[in-house]
C-alpha atoms as a PDB file:
ATOM      1  CA  UNK A   1      -0.951  21.423  -3.543  1.00  0.00           C
ATOM      2  CA  UNK A   2      -4.821  22.125  -3.568  1.00  0.00           C
ATOM      3  CA  UNK A   3      -4.300  24.702  -6.332  1.00  0.00           C
ATOM      4  CA  UNK A   4      -2.253  22.341  -8.348  1.00  0.00           C
ATOM      5  CA  UNK A   5      -5.160  19.794  -8.080  1.00  0.00           C
ATOM      6  CA  UNK A   6      -7.709  22.353  -9.028  1.00  0.00           C
ATOM      7  CA  UNK A   7      -5.803  23.394 -12.152  1.00  0.00           C
ATOM      8  CA  UNK A   8      -5.149  19.763 -13.195  1.00  0.00           C
ATOM      9  CA  UNK A   9      -8.790  18.487 -12.490  1.00  0.00           C
ATOM     10  CA  UNK A  10     -11.582  20.838 -13.692  1.00  0.00           C
ATOM     11  CA  UNK A  11     -14.542  20.951 -11.309  1.00  0.00           C
ATOM     12  CA  UNK A  12     -16.839  18.718 -13.541  1.00  0.00           C
ATOM     13  CA  UNK A  13     -14.096  15.901 -13.605  1.00  0.00           C
ATOM     14  CA  UNK A  14     -13.639  16.217  -9.873  1.00  0.00           C
ATOM     15  CA  UNK A  15     -17.381  15.932  -9.232  1.00  0.00           C
ATOM     16  CA  UNK A  16     -17.445  12.870 -11.512  1.00  0.00           C
ATOM     17  CA  UNK A  17     -14.585  11.298  -9.521  1.00  0.00           C
ATOM     18  CA  UNK A  18     -16.346  12.141  -6.349  1.00  0.00           C
ATOM     19  CA  UNK A  19     -19.640  10.546  -7.299  1.00  0.00           C
ATOM     20  CA  UNK A  20     -17.836   7.389  -8.658  1.00  0.00           C
ATOM     21  CA  UNK A  21     -15.933   7.009  -5.411  1.00  0.00           C
ATOM     22  CA  UNK A  22     -19.196   7.129  -3.403  1.00  0.00           C
ATOM     23  CA  UNK A  23     -20.688   4.579  -5.787  1.00  0.00           C
ATOM     24  CA  UNK A  24     -17.771   2.296  -5.185  1.00  0.00           C
ATOM     25  CA  UNK A  25     -18.164   2.576  -1.565  1.00  0.00           C
ATOM     26  CA  UNK A  26     -21.825   1.801  -1.597  1.00  0.00           C
ATOM     27  CA  UNK A  27     -21.280  -1.121  -4.059  1.00  0.00           C
ATOM     28  CA  UNK A  28     -18.415  -2.644  -1.820  1.00  0.00           C
ATOM     29  CA  UNK A  29     -20.938  -2.660   1.152  1.00  0.00           C
ATOM     30  CA  UNK A  30     -22.867  -5.204  -0.791  1.00  0.00           C
ATOM     31  CA  UNK A  31     -20.342  -7.218  -2.741  1.00  0.00           C
ATOM     32  CA  UNK A  32     -16.985  -7.138  -4.236  1.00  0.00           C
ATOM     33  CA  UNK A  33     -14.064  -9.456  -5.189  1.00  0.00           C
ATOM     34  CA  UNK A  34     -10.448  -9.490  -3.695  1.00  0.00           C
ATOM     35  CA  UNK A  35      -8.079 -10.596  -6.457  1.00  0.00           C
ATOM     36  CA  UNK A  36      -4.718 -11.761  -5.423  1.00  0.00           C
ATOM     37  CA  UNK A  37      -1.873 -11.237  -7.965  1.00  0.00           C
ATOM     38  CA  UNK A  38       1.531 -12.785  -8.231  1.00  0.00           C
ATOM     39  CA  UNK A  39       4.885 -11.379  -9.492  1.00  0.00           C
ATOM     40  CA  UNK A  40       7.912 -13.716  -9.863  1.00  0.00           C
ATOM     41  CA  UNK A  41      11.177 -11.889  -9.133  1.00  0.00           C
ATOM     42  CA  UNK A  42      13.705 -14.656  -9.607  1.00  0.00           C
ATOM     43  CA  UNK A  43      14.987 -13.047 -12.833  1.00  0.00           C
ATOM     44  CA  UNK A  44      14.596  -9.448 -11.803  1.00  0.00           C
ATOM     45  CA  UNK A  45      17.292  -6.984 -11.225  1.00  0.00           C
ATOM     46  CA  UNK A  46      17.119  -4.288  -8.596  1.00  0.00           C
ATOM     47  CA  UNK A  47      15.051  -1.389  -9.908  1.00  0.00           C
ATOM     48  CA  UNK A  48      16.372   2.152 -10.280  1.00  0.00           C
ATOM     49  CA  UNK A  49      15.118   4.340  -7.447  1.00  0.00           C
ATOM     50  CA  UNK A  50      12.284   6.757  -8.495  1.00  0.00           C
ATOM     51  CA  UNK A  51      13.244  10.399  -7.848  1.00  0.00           C
ATOM     52  CA  UNK A  52      11.020  12.245  -5.347  1.00  0.00           C
ATOM     53  CA  UNK A  53      11.141  15.814  -4.037  1.00  0.00           C
ATOM     54  CA  UNK A  54      14.013  16.459  -1.687  1.00  0.00           C
ATOM     55  CA  UNK A  55      11.485  17.347   1.061  1.00  0.00           C
ATOM     56  CA  UNK A  56      11.082  13.654   1.537  1.00  0.00           C
ATOM     57  CA  UNK A  57      13.113  10.903   2.941  1.00  0.00           C
ATOM     58  CA  UNK A  58      12.348   7.133   2.397  1.00  0.00           C
ATOM     59  CA  UNK A  59      12.588   5.259   5.697  1.00  0.00           C
ATOM     60  CA  UNK A  60      12.558   1.715   6.973  1.00  0.00           C
ATOM     61  CA  UNK A  61       9.947   1.768   9.639  1.00  0.00           C
ATOM     62  CA  UNK A  62      11.305   1.257  13.151  1.00  0.00           C
ATOM     63  CA  UNK A  63      10.536   2.508  16.756  1.00  0.00           C
ATOM     64  CA  UNK A  64      12.849   5.457  16.093  1.00  0.00           C
ATOM     65  CA  UNK A  65       9.958   7.019  14.317  1.00  0.00           C
ATOM     66  CA  UNK A  66       7.229   5.967  16.935  1.00  0.00           C
ATOM     67  CA  UNK A  67       6.045   9.448  17.428  1.00  0.00           C
ATOM     68  CA  UNK A  68       5.669  10.291  13.821  1.00  0.00           C
ATOM     69  CA  UNK A  69       3.704   6.975  13.344  1.00  0.00           C
ATOM     70  CA  UNK A  70       1.451   7.684  16.296  1.00  0.00           C
ATOM     71  CA  UNK A  71       0.613  11.042  14.856  1.00  0.00           C
ATOM     72  CA  UNK A  72      -0.071   9.659  11.403  1.00  0.00           C
ATOM     73  CA  UNK A  73      -2.345   6.833  12.872  1.00  0.00           C
ATOM     74  CA  UNK A  74      -4.366   9.433  15.110  1.00  0.00           C
ATOM     75  CA  UNK A  75      -4.878  11.843  12.216  1.00  0.00           C
ATOM     76  CA  UNK A  76      -5.132   9.823   9.162  1.00  0.00           C
ATOM     77  CA  UNK A  77      -6.386   6.250  10.248  1.00  0.00           C
ATOM     78  CA  UNK A  78      -8.078   5.688  13.481  1.00  0.00           C
ATOM     79  CA  UNK A  79      -7.518   6.096  17.326  1.00  0.00           C
ATOM     80  CA  UNK A  80      -6.591   2.420  17.642  1.00  0.00           C
ATOM     81  CA  UNK A  81      -4.536   1.999  14.364  1.00  0.00           C
ATOM     82  CA  UNK A  82      -1.226   2.429  16.044  1.00  0.00           C
ATOM     83  CA  UNK A  83      -1.682  -0.021  18.932  1.00  0.00           C
ATOM     84  CA  UNK A  84      -3.648  -2.500  16.951  1.00  0.00           C
ATOM     85  CA  UNK A  85      -1.615  -2.582  13.744  1.00  0.00           C
ATOM     86  CA  UNK A  86       1.465  -0.395  13.587  1.00  0.00           C
ATOM     87  CA  UNK A  87       2.738  -1.243  17.080  1.00  0.00           C
ATOM     88  CA  UNK A  88       2.007  -4.992  16.644  1.00  0.00           C
ATOM     89  CA  UNK A  89       4.016  -5.054  13.417  1.00  0.00           C
ATOM     90  CA  UNK A  90       6.972  -3.092  14.814  1.00  0.00           C
ATOM     91  CA  UNK A  91       7.399  -5.830  17.469  1.00  0.00           C
ATOM     92  CA  UNK A  92       7.482  -8.639  15.028  1.00  0.00           C
ATOM     93  CA  UNK A  93      10.541  -7.829  12.981  1.00  0.00           C
ATOM     94  CA  UNK A  94      10.755 -11.378  11.725  1.00  0.00           C
ATOM     95  CA  UNK A  95       7.396 -11.042   9.984  1.00  0.00           C
ATOM     96  CA  UNK A  96       6.755  -7.484   9.058  1.00  0.00           C
ATOM     97  CA  UNK A  97       9.020  -4.884   7.160  1.00  0.00           C
ATOM     98  CA  UNK A  98       7.548  -1.413   6.761  1.00  0.00           C
ATOM     99  CA  UNK A  99       8.674   1.238   4.354  1.00  0.00           C
ATOM    100  CA  UNK A 100       7.475   4.939   4.493  1.00  0.00           C
ATOM    101  CA  UNK A 101       7.985   8.344   3.179  1.00  0.00           C
ATOM    102  CA  UNK A 102       8.759  11.030   5.829  1.00  0.00           C
ATOM    103  CA  UNK A 103       8.095  14.704   5.138  1.00  0.00           C
ATOM    104  CA  UNK A 104      11.304  16.056   6.711  1.00  0.00           C
ATOM    105  CA  UNK A 105      10.107  19.551   6.583  1.00  0.00           C
ATOM    106  CA  UNK A 106       6.936  19.023   8.635  1.00  0.00           C
ATOM    107  CA  UNK A 107       8.276  15.922  10.447  1.00  0.00           C
ATOM    108  CA  UNK A 108       5.285  13.709   9.373  1.00  0.00           C
ATOM    109  CA  UNK A 109       4.465  10.419   7.690  1.00  0.00           C
ATOM    110  CA  UNK A 110       3.347  11.097   4.193  1.00  0.00           C
ATOM    111  CA  UNK A 111       3.179   7.487   2.963  1.00  0.00           C
ATOM    112  CA  UNK A 112       3.271   4.236   4.650  1.00  0.00           C
ATOM    113  CA  UNK A 113       3.159   0.519   3.479  1.00  0.00           C
ATOM    114  CA  UNK A 114       4.173  -2.979   4.587  1.00  0.00           C
ATOM    115  CA  UNK A 115       5.715  -6.319   3.592  1.00  0.00           C
ATOM    116  CA  UNK A 116       4.390  -9.534   5.408  1.00  0.00           C
ATOM    117  CA  UNK A 117       6.929 -12.273   5.225  1.00  0.00           C
ATOM    118  CA  UNK A 118       4.772 -14.986   6.921  1.00  0.00           C
ATOM    119  CA  UNK A 119       1.197 -14.754   5.710  1.00  0.00           C
ATOM    120  CA  UNK A 120      -1.406 -13.383   3.190  1.00  0.00           C
ATOM    121  CA  UNK A 121      -4.323 -12.219   5.529  1.00  0.00           C
ATOM    122  CA  UNK A 122      -7.410 -10.766   4.101  1.00  0.00           C
ATOM    123  CA  UNK A 123      -9.502 -10.020   7.226  1.00  0.00           C
ATOM    124  CA  UNK A 124     -12.547  -8.845   5.087  1.00  0.00           C
ATOM    125  CA  UNK A 125     -12.602 -11.977   3.066  1.00  0.00           C
ATOM    126  CA  UNK A 126     -11.629 -14.304   6.146  1.00  0.00           C
ATOM    127  CA  UNK A 127      -8.698 -15.691   4.229  1.00  0.00           C
ATOM    128  CA  UNK A 128      -5.311 -16.751   5.340  1.00  0.00           C
ATOM    129  CA  UNK A 129      -2.348 -18.354   3.568  1.00  0.00           C
ATOM    130  CA  UNK A 130       1.105 -19.020   5.125  1.00  0.00           C
ATOM    131  CA  UNK A 131       4.142 -18.102   3.040  1.00  0.00           C
ATOM    132  CA  UNK A 132       7.419 -19.870   2.525  1.00  0.00           C
ATOM    133  CA  UNK A 133      10.718 -18.021   2.936  1.00  0.00           C
ATOM    134  CA  UNK A 134      10.978 -17.196  -0.696  1.00  0.00           C
ATOM    135  CA  UNK A 135       7.603 -15.397  -0.686  1.00  0.00           C
ATOM    136  CA  UNK A 136       6.276 -11.981   0.512  1.00  0.00           C
ATOM    137  CA  UNK A 137       3.000 -10.198   0.573  1.00  0.00           C
ATOM    138  CA  UNK A 138       2.542  -6.276  -0.024  1.00  0.00           C
ATOM    139  CA  UNK A 139      -0.111  -4.786   1.844  1.00  0.00           C
ATOM    140  CA  UNK A 140      -1.596  -1.673   3.671  1.00  0.00           C
ATOM    141  CA  UNK A 141      -0.287   1.039   1.277  1.00  0.00           C
ATOM    142  CA  UNK A 142      -1.720   4.335   2.254  1.00  0.00           C
ATOM    143  CA  UNK A 143      -0.775   7.891   1.105  1.00  0.00           C
ATOM    144  CA  UNK A 144      -1.869  10.845   3.110  1.00  0.00           C
ATOM    145  CA  UNK A 145      -4.267  12.741   0.841  1.00  0.00           C
ATOM    146  CA  UNK A 146      -2.274  15.885   0.493  1.00  0.00           C
ATOM    147  CA  UNK A 147       0.763  14.140  -0.627  1.00  0.00           C
ATOM    148  CA  UNK A 148      -0.892  12.239  -3.559  1.00  0.00           C
ATOM    149  CA  UNK A 149       0.138  12.479  -7.183  1.00  0.00           C
ATOM    150  CA  UNK A 150       3.683  13.242  -5.940  1.00  0.00           C
ATOM    151  CA  UNK A 151       5.318   9.849  -7.025  1.00  0.00           C
ATOM    152  CA  UNK A 152       5.386   8.413  -3.599  1.00  0.00           C
ATOM    153  CA  UNK A 153       3.447   5.276  -4.257  1.00  0.00           C
ATOM    154  CA  UNK A 154       5.829   4.376  -7.136  1.00  0.00           C
ATOM    155  CA  UNK A 155       8.876   5.131  -5.196  1.00  0.00           C
ATOM    156  CA  UNK A 156       7.932   2.846  -2.225  1.00  0.00           C
ATOM    157  CA  UNK A 157       6.698   0.058  -4.452  1.00  0.00           C
ATOM    158  CA  UNK A 158      10.019   0.011  -6.248  1.00  0.00           C
ATOM    159  CA  UNK A 159      11.663   0.004  -2.836  1.00  0.00           C
ATOM    160  CA  UNK A 160       9.750  -3.044  -1.529  1.00  0.00           C
ATOM    161  CA  UNK A 161      10.492  -4.943  -4.819  1.00  0.00           C
ATOM    162  CA  UNK A 162      14.208  -4.275  -4.324  1.00  0.00           C
ATOM    163  CA  UNK A 163      13.934  -5.378  -0.843  1.00  0.00           C
ATOM    164  CA  UNK A 164      12.580  -8.620  -2.045  1.00  0.00           C
ATOM    165  CA  UNK A 165      15.152  -9.130  -4.713  1.00  0.00           C
ATOM    166  CA  UNK A 166      17.984  -8.298  -2.405  1.00  0.00           C
ATOM    167  CA  UNK A 167      16.648 -10.821   0.145  1.00  0.00           C
ATOM    168  CA  UNK A 168      16.097 -13.779  -2.147  1.00  0.00           C
ATOM    169  CA  UNK A 169      12.384 -13.536  -2.260  1.00  0.00           C
ATOM    170  CA  UNK A 170      11.201 -15.012  -5.547  1.00  0.00           C
ATOM    171  CA  UNK A 171       7.448 -14.408  -5.403  1.00  0.00           C
ATOM    172  CA  UNK A 172       5.455 -11.155  -4.375  1.00  0.00           C
ATOM    173  CA  UNK A 173       1.767 -11.311  -3.752  1.00  0.00           C
ATOM    174  CA  UNK A 174      -0.637  -8.327  -3.477  1.00  0.00           C
ATOM    175  CA  UNK A 175      -4.446  -8.225  -3.187  1.00  0.00           C
ATOM    176  CA  UNK A 176      -6.408  -5.616  -5.115  1.00  0.00           C
ATOM    177  CA  UNK A 177     -10.206  -5.056  -5.223  1.00  0.00           C
ATOM    178  CA  UNK A 178     -11.498  -6.158  -8.678  1.00  0.00           C
ATOM    179  CA  UNK A 179     -12.922  -2.561  -9.438  1.00  0.00           C
ATOM    180  CA  UNK A 180      -9.604  -0.678  -8.734  1.00  0.00           C
ATOM    181  CA  UNK A 181      -8.711  -0.430 -12.349  1.00  0.00           C
ATOM    182  CA  UNK A 182      -5.831   1.993 -11.820  1.00  0.00           C
ATOM    183  CA  UNK A 183      -4.080  -0.356  -9.364  1.00  0.00           C
ATOM    184  CA  UNK A 184      -4.649  -3.361 -11.491  1.00  0.00           C
ATOM    185  CA  UNK A 185      -3.071  -1.492 -14.592  1.00  0.00           C
ATOM    186  CA  UNK A 186      -0.133  -0.416 -12.586  1.00  0.00           C
ATOM    187  CA  UNK A 187       0.371  -4.067 -11.584  1.00  0.00           C
ATOM    188  CA  UNK A 188       0.544  -5.127 -15.170  1.00  0.00           C
ATOM    189  CA  UNK A 189       3.594  -3.093 -15.817  1.00  0.00           C
ATOM    190  CA  UNK A 190       5.417  -5.318 -13.368  1.00  0.00           C
ATOM    191  CA  UNK A 191       4.216  -8.533 -14.767  1.00  0.00           C
ATOM    192  CA  UNK A 192       1.864  -9.408 -11.872  1.00  0.00           C
ATOM    193  CA  UNK A 193      -0.732 -12.192 -12.873  1.00  0.00           C
ATOM    194  CA  UNK A 194      -4.025 -12.886 -11.017  1.00  0.00           C
ATOM    195  CA  UNK A 195      -3.922 -16.203  -9.303  1.00  0.00           C
ATOM    196  CA  UNK A 196      -6.994 -16.122  -7.141  1.00  0.00           C
ATOM    197  CA  UNK A 197     -10.399 -14.269  -6.757  1.00  0.00           C
ATOM    198  CA  UNK A 198     -12.209 -14.176  -3.488  1.00  0.00           C
ATOM    199  CA  UNK A 199     -15.799 -12.909  -3.197  1.00  0.00           C
ATOM    200  CA  UNK A 200     -16.780 -10.805  -0.102  1.00  0.00           C
ATOM    201  CA  UNK A 201     -20.103  -9.961   1.035  1.00  0.00           C
ATOM    202  CA  UNK A 202     -19.741  -7.441   3.958  1.00  0.00           C
ATOM    203  CA  UNK A 203     -23.493  -7.498   4.861  1.00  0.00           C
ATOM    204  CA  UNK A 204     -23.671 -11.155   5.305  1.00  0.00           C
END
């Protein structure tokens, strides 16, 4: 995987990308905006599944995969991420639906994401909004770095949309930082439209 990245992205481009990433992190410490986007699914049909490598399996998150989820949290998130977030969501099946990609060769989580059926909650922006039964909120998408650029995000995004379509959910919300141009461009392919912008000043 590392060799592929090195061949695809010359050293100069990787340095520029790293510098830009550091710049964004510093900028976000001062001020940024969380933009909330909306997609209406009432006329959508289920999407065709995106093909991924056969070393992967798409799973609906449950306690069956508790050990893999613990390992993922401890290695790639934080020491308290499992207890504070994942375990909390697993216990509230009426509110949260999790989709993940499992590397079946190494028995580890490669990608994890969630759907909230009850609320849009932006902790950093101190924003909460309740949802009705026809609405859902996509959040906490995370790909383990070594599995990036393997089509996992697109596959899980499609699977979550299909879940909503199949469960009569007509509106999907998602929050994206205003400087995340790649994510914003991807949303435009699914007819997401910005409905709200919230300013965040972390140092205040």
